[in-house]
């Protein structure tokens, strides 16, 4: 069976960028992607460098796939179900069989925890529901913004968004306030409205305005909702090999994107740190170059 230099699991911006770099290094690469990249949910990103008018998530992915194809790279549309080591070689299984590689890059991303929201995909694609204040806070300047508190740093996102709008409202996520007295004083001083009754349901108006129904029977309409309930990293494959994980299952890597398992690397949102497309592509460049320099050299035959 063919042994690839690198198996890349995940076809989002991080995985595709790593594949482009490795193909340009003349490395033999296998890319497996089960689809549904989190980037494909982005209606338009205005903070990714080089696109002054913004770029849609699917358009960016299409460009990266085309660029990879220009260098002879292919993508297998299949999910990797398991990953193991045999005699120093990684062996990954999928519905069509097995693939072997000397190194692996995990570019598997995260999944967002969510509230019960009607037509979730439509809500996200329309911009009514947003998942990344760092990405698009500027895009909702002076809008009516609702935020649901998270277990960790429960007022952090509300205070962050207060820089962009004077109309920010924070909702509790469970019965009984999880905020300390000091946190509530900080919200009051910043002019952030605080609704203690927990969110039970989110519906959309016909013109895609989020409407929050709370436990006390009240109804609240906004222009945009950030349901900041956290995320879970798709790191099970790496963890099964003993890779160290941190909060939310995110993988711990060194400055070369290597996990604690030799030969296993990780890039993008699955890695502990800032979840941004530009960060993921930076990770990919670092990991690909590290892998190329670590693998045995291949000498090209004379033309």
Protein backbone atom coordinates (compact mmCIF):
# COMPACT_ATOMS: atom_id res chain seq x y z
CA UNK A 1 0.00 0.00 0.00
CA UNK A 2 1.23 3.49 -0.85
CA UNK A 3 2.58 5.47 2.09
CA UNK A 4 2.00 9.22 1.76
CA UNK A 5 4.33 11.82 3.17
CA UNK A 6 1.38 13.50 4.89
CA UNK A 7 -2.27 12.75 5.50
CA UNK A 8 -4.36 15.88 6.06
CA UNK A 9 -7.67 15.31 7.83
CA UNK A 10 -10.02 18.20 7.11
CA UNK A 11 -10.56 20.36 4.03
CA UNK A 12 -11.15 23.78 5.54
CA UNK A 13 -8.84 26.78 5.04
CA UNK A 14 -6.18 25.33 7.34
CA UNK A 15 -6.10 21.87 5.80
CA UNK A 16 -6.18 23.14 2.22
CA UNK A 17 -3.42 25.69 2.85
CA UNK A 18 -1.22 22.97 4.38
CA UNK A 19 -1.86 20.77 1.34
CA UNK A 20 -0.95 23.61 -1.05
CA UNK A 21 2.34 24.21 0.76
CA UNK A 22 3.24 20.53 0.84
CA UNK A 23 2.44 20.00 -2.84
CA UNK A 24 4.63 22.98 -3.68
CA UNK A 25 7.35 21.25 -1.64
CA UNK A 26 6.82 18.26 -3.98
CA UNK A 27 5.42 16.15 -1.18
CA UNK A 28 2.94 13.32 -1.69
CA UNK A 29 -0.20 14.33 0.16
CA UNK A 30 -3.61 12.79 0.83
CA UNK A 31 -6.43 15.14 1.86
CA UNK A 32 -9.61 13.69 3.37
CA UNK A 33 -12.61 15.93 3.95
CA UNK A 34 -16.04 14.87 5.18
CA UNK A 35 -17.54 18.25 4.15
CA UNK A 36 -19.41 20.85 6.18
CA UNK A 37 -16.39 23.03 6.94
CA UNK A 38 -17.26 25.68 9.50
CA UNK A 39 -15.94 28.23 7.00
CA UNK A 40 -18.75 27.31 4.60
CA UNK A 41 -21.22 28.84 7.07
CA UNK A 42 -19.68 32.31 6.73
CA UNK A 43 -21.90 34.49 4.49
CA UNK A 44 -19.06 37.00 4.01
CA UNK A 45 -15.86 37.66 5.94
CA UNK A 46 -14.55 41.21 6.04
CA UNK A 47 -11.50 40.58 8.21
CA UNK A 48 -9.61 38.07 6.05
CA UNK A 49 -6.63 39.92 4.52
CA UNK A 50 -6.56 40.66 0.80
CA UNK A 51 -10.31 40.92 0.19
CA UNK A 52 -11.27 44.59 0.70
CA UNK A 53 -14.91 43.90 -0.22
CA UNK A 54 -15.06 40.72 1.85
CA UNK A 55 -15.14 37.09 0.78
CA UNK A 56 -17.75 34.41 1.31
CA UNK A 57 -16.71 31.24 3.08
CA UNK A 58 -17.64 28.96 0.17
CA UNK A 59 -15.90 31.24 -2.35
CA UNK A 60 -12.71 31.13 -0.28
CA UNK A 61 -12.87 27.34 -0.04
CA UNK A 62 -13.45 27.05 -3.80
CA UNK A 63 -10.39 29.22 -4.47
CA UNK A 64 -8.23 27.11 -2.17
CA UNK A 65 -9.43 23.87 -3.79
CA UNK A 66 -8.66 25.24 -7.25
CA UNK A 67 -5.23 26.35 -6.10
CA UNK A 68 -4.52 22.88 -4.68
CA UNK A 69 -5.65 21.24 -7.93
CA UNK A 70 -3.22 23.48 -9.84
CA UNK A 71 -0.40 21.68 -8.01
CA UNK A 72 -1.76 18.19 -8.55
CA UNK A 73 -3.48 17.88 -5.19
CA UNK A 74 -6.70 15.93 -4.85
CA UNK A 75 -9.35 15.78 -2.14
CA UNK A 76 -11.08 12.58 -1.10
CA UNK A 77 -14.60 13.25 0.14
CA UNK A 78 -14.74 10.81 3.02
CA UNK A 79 -14.60 10.77 6.80
CA UNK A 80 -11.64 9.28 8.65
CA UNK A 81 -13.11 7.04 11.35
CA UNK A 82 -9.99 5.91 13.21
CA UNK A 83 -6.28 6.57 13.39
CA UNK A 84 -3.55 4.27 14.67
CA UNK A 85 0.19 3.75 14.50
CA UNK A 86 1.78 0.65 12.97
CA UNK A 87 5.56 0.35 12.92
CA UNK A 88 6.02 4.11 12.89
CA UNK A 89 3.42 4.70 10.17
CA UNK A 90 0.01 6.29 10.68
CA UNK A 91 -2.89 4.18 9.43
CA UNK A 92 -6.28 5.87 8.97
CA UNK A 93 -9.48 4.01 8.18
CA UNK A 94 -12.44 5.28 6.17
CA UNK A 95 -15.44 3.72 4.48
CA UNK A 96 -13.36 2.98 1.38
CA UNK A 97 -10.48 1.28 3.17
CA UNK A 98 -7.25 2.54 4.70
CA UNK A 99 -4.65 5.21 3.97
CA UNK A 100 -1.09 5.27 5.34
CA UNK A 101 1.19 8.23 5.93
CA UNK A 102 4.46 9.15 7.64
CA UNK A 103 2.89 12.26 9.18
CA UNK A 104 -0.62 13.55 9.84
CA UNK A 105 -2.06 17.06 10.07
CA UNK A 106 -5.29 17.39 12.02
CA UNK A 107 -7.38 20.21 10.52
CA UNK A 108 -10.68 18.95 11.86
CA UNK A 109 -11.97 22.16 13.45
CA UNK A 110 -14.63 22.56 16.12
CA UNK A 111 -18.39 22.38 16.45
CA UNK A 112 -20.32 25.19 18.13
CA UNK A 113 -22.69 24.43 20.95
CA UNK A 114 -26.04 25.93 20.07
CA UNK A 115 -29.40 27.02 21.39
CA UNK A 116 -32.65 25.62 19.98
CA UNK A 117 -33.00 27.95 16.98
CA UNK A 118 -35.44 27.59 14.10
CA UNK A 119 -33.68 27.16 10.74
CA UNK A 120 -30.18 27.37 12.27
CA UNK A 121 -28.29 27.34 8.95
CA UNK A 122 -30.51 30.07 7.47
CA UNK A 123 -30.09 32.13 10.64
CA UNK A 124 -26.30 31.93 10.42
CA UNK A 125 -26.09 32.51 6.67
CA UNK A 126 -28.33 35.58 6.94
CA UNK A 127 -26.22 37.09 9.72
CA UNK A 128 -29.03 36.98 12.28
CA UNK A 129 -27.00 34.50 14.32
CA UNK A 130 -23.26 35.19 14.57
CA UNK A 131 -20.60 33.03 16.17
CA UNK A 132 -17.44 35.14 16.26
CA UNK A 133 -17.34 38.63 17.80
CA UNK A 134 -13.67 38.99 16.88
CA UNK A 135 -14.50 38.24 13.23
CA UNK A 136 -17.45 40.54 12.71
CA UNK A 137 -17.98 42.91 15.63
CA UNK A 138 -17.26 45.81 13.27
CA UNK A 139 -20.02 44.60 10.94
CA UNK A 140 -22.75 45.12 13.56
CA UNK A 141 -21.86 48.63 14.70
CA UNK A 142 -24.85 50.36 16.38
CA UNK A 143 -27.11 47.33 15.95
CA UNK A 144 -29.29 45.83 18.69
CA UNK A 145 -27.11 42.98 19.94
CA UNK A 146 -28.12 40.05 22.16
CA UNK A 147 -25.54 37.79 23.80
CA UNK A 148 -26.07 34.62 25.83
CA UNK A 149 -23.68 34.21 28.74
CA UNK A 150 -21.11 31.40 28.70
CA UNK A 151 -19.91 29.30 31.62
CA UNK A 152 -16.40 30.72 31.44
CA UNK A 153 -15.90 34.50 31.40
CA UNK A 154 -19.69 35.02 31.32
CA UNK A 155 -19.62 38.79 30.72
CA UNK A 156 -16.54 38.91 28.48
CA UNK A 157 -18.34 38.83 25.14
CA UNK A 158 -20.91 41.42 26.23
CA UNK A 159 -18.17 43.81 27.38
CA UNK A 160 -16.27 43.18 24.12
CA UNK A 161 -19.32 44.00 21.98
CA UNK A 162 -20.03 47.16 23.97
CA UNK A 163 -17.22 48.74 21.92
CA UNK A 164 -19.38 48.38 18.82
CA UNK A 165 -22.87 49.26 20.04
CA UNK A 166 -24.63 51.05 22.87
CA UNK A 167 -27.49 48.52 22.69
CA UNK A 168 -26.05 45.30 24.10
CA UNK A 169 -28.15 42.90 26.17
CA UNK A 170 -26.80 39.88 28.04
CA UNK A 171 -29.06 36.89 28.76
CA UNK A 172 -28.56 34.07 31.23
CA UNK A 173 -28.28 30.58 29.82
CA UNK A 174 -29.58 28.67 32.84
CA UNK A 175 -32.08 29.22 35.66
CA UNK A 176 -30.48 31.36 38.35
CA UNK A 177 -27.80 33.96 37.62
CA UNK A 178 -24.25 32.69 37.09
CA UNK A 179 -22.85 36.22 37.45
CA UNK A 180 -21.10 37.47 40.54
CA UNK A 181 -22.08 40.77 42.13
CA UNK A 182 -18.90 42.35 40.76
CA UNK A 183 -19.68 41.17 37.23
CA UNK A 184 -23.17 42.60 37.45
CA UNK A 185 -21.73 45.92 38.59
CA UNK A 186 -19.36 45.90 35.61
CA UNK A 187 -22.29 45.41 33.23
CA UNK A 188 -24.23 48.22 34.84
CA UNK A 189 -21.27 50.59 34.67
CA UNK A 190 -20.77 49.76 30.97
CA UNK A 191 -24.45 50.25 30.14
CA UNK A 192 -25.08 46.60 29.24
CA UNK A 193 -28.65 45.50 29.94
CA UNK A 194 -28.85 42.22 31.85
CA UNK A 195 -31.82 39.83 31.56
CA UNK A 196 -31.73 37.21 34.30
CA UNK A 197 -34.45 34.95 32.99
CA UNK A 198 -32.85 32.23 30.83
CA UNK A 199 -33.36 31.91 27.09
CA UNK A 200 -35.73 29.05 26.26
CA UNK A 201 -36.15 29.42 22.51
CA UNK A 202 -35.02 31.55 19.57
CA UNK A 203 -37.21 32.22 16.55
CA UNK A 204 -36.69 34.34 13.46
CA UNK A 205 -39.01 36.99 12.07
CA UNK A 206 -39.81 36.98 8.38
CA UNK A 207 -37.03 39.52 7.81
CA UNK A 208 -34.51 37.42 9.81
CA UNK A 209 -34.51 39.22 13.15
CA UNK A 210 -33.78 36.95 16.11
CA UNK A 211 -36.54 36.82 18.72
CA UNK A 212 -35.58 35.44 22.12
CA UNK A 213 -38.20 33.81 24.36
CA UNK A 214 -37.19 33.72 28.03
CA UNK A 215 -38.35 31.61 30.93
CA UNK A 216 -40.52 34.39 32.36
CA UNK A 217 -42.65 34.45 29.19
CA UNK A 218 -41.15 37.66 27.82
CA UNK A 219 -40.25 38.14 24.15
CA UNK A 220 -37.21 40.16 23.06
CA UNK A 221 -36.38 41.15 19.45
CA UNK A 222 -32.88 42.09 18.27
CA UNK A 223 -30.93 42.66 15.07
CA UNK A 224 -28.29 40.02 15.83
CA UNK A 225 -27.66 37.27 18.39
CA UNK A 226 -24.33 35.86 19.59
CA UNK A 227 -25.13 32.55 21.36
CA UNK A 228 -21.71 32.25 23.00
CA UNK A 229 -22.16 28.81 24.52
CA UNK A 230 -18.71 27.52 23.67
CA UNK A 231 -17.49 24.82 21.31
CA UNK A 232 -16.13 21.29 21.22
CA UNK A 233 -12.99 20.44 19.23
CA UNK A 234 -13.00 17.51 16.79
CA UNK A 235 -9.89 16.05 18.39
CA UNK A 236 -10.99 12.48 19.13
CA UNK A 237 -8.71 10.93 16.51
CA UNK A 238 -5.64 12.65 17.95
CA UNK A 239 -6.71 12.00 21.52
CA UNK A 240 -7.03 8.30 20.75
CA UNK A 241 -3.28 8.29 20.10
CA UNK A 242 -2.57 10.06 23.38
CA UNK A 243 -2.29 13.66 22.14
CA UNK A 244 -2.61 16.22 24.93
CA UNK A 245 -5.79 18.28 24.93
CA UNK A 246 -6.89 21.41 26.78
CA UNK A 247 -10.25 23.11 27.36
CA UNK A 248 -13.06 22.00 25.03
CA UNK A 249 -10.80 19.21 23.73
CA UNK A 250 -8.56 21.58 21.78
CA UNK A 251 -5.15 20.14 20.95
CA UNK A 252 -1.98 21.40 22.59
CA UNK A 253 0.84 22.04 20.09
CA UNK A 254 4.36 23.46 20.13
CA UNK A 255 5.63 26.39 18.07
CA UNK A 256 5.89 24.12 15.03
CA UNK A 257 2.25 22.93 15.36
CA UNK A 258 3.37 19.48 16.56
CA UNK A 259 1.16 17.69 19.09
CA UNK A 260 2.59 15.56 21.87
CA UNK A 261 2.44 12.54 19.52
CA UNK A 262 5.53 12.45 17.25
CA UNK A 263 4.58 12.98 13.61
CA UNK A 264 1.10 14.26 14.44
CA UNK A 265 0.43 17.96 13.82
CA UNK A 266 -2.64 20.16 14.20
CA UNK A 267 -3.77 23.46 12.67
CA UNK A 268 -6.76 25.78 12.85
CA UNK A 269 -9.64 25.81 15.30
CA UNK A 270 -8.89 22.32 16.65
CA UNK A 271 -5.77 23.87 18.23
CA UNK A 272 -5.89 25.80 21.49
CA UNK A 273 -5.82 29.52 20.71
CA UNK A 274 -7.58 32.18 18.65
CA UNK A 275 -10.13 30.77 16.19
CA UNK A 276 -9.61 32.79 13.02
CA UNK A 277 -9.15 31.83 9.36
CA UNK A 278 -5.97 33.89 9.14
CA UNK A 279 -4.60 32.06 12.18
CA UNK A 280 -5.47 28.68 10.65
CA UNK A 281 -3.64 29.45 7.41
CA UNK A 282 -0.64 30.66 9.41
CA UNK A 283 -0.66 27.41 11.38
CA UNK A 284 -0.78 25.52 8.09
CA UNK A 285 2.28 27.25 6.64
CA UNK A 286 4.26 26.56 9.81
CA UNK A 287 3.20 22.90 10.06
CA UNK A 288 3.81 22.15 6.38
CA UNK A 289 7.28 23.68 6.43
CA UNK A 290 8.16 21.85 9.66
CA UNK A 291 7.00 18.54 8.17
CA UNK A 292 8.89 19.07 4.92
CA UNK A 293 12.12 19.79 6.77
CA UNK A 294 11.63 16.82 9.11
CA UNK A 295 10.93 14.20 6.43
CA UNK A 296 13.68 12.53 4.40
CA UNK A 297 14.71 14.59 1.39
CA UNK A 298 13.52 13.50 -2.04
CA UNK A 299 15.89 14.22 -4.91
CA UNK A 300 14.35 15.16 -8.24
CA UNK A 301 15.66 13.31 -11.29
CA UNK A 302 17.33 15.38 -14.01
CA UNK A 303 14.98 16.64 -16.72
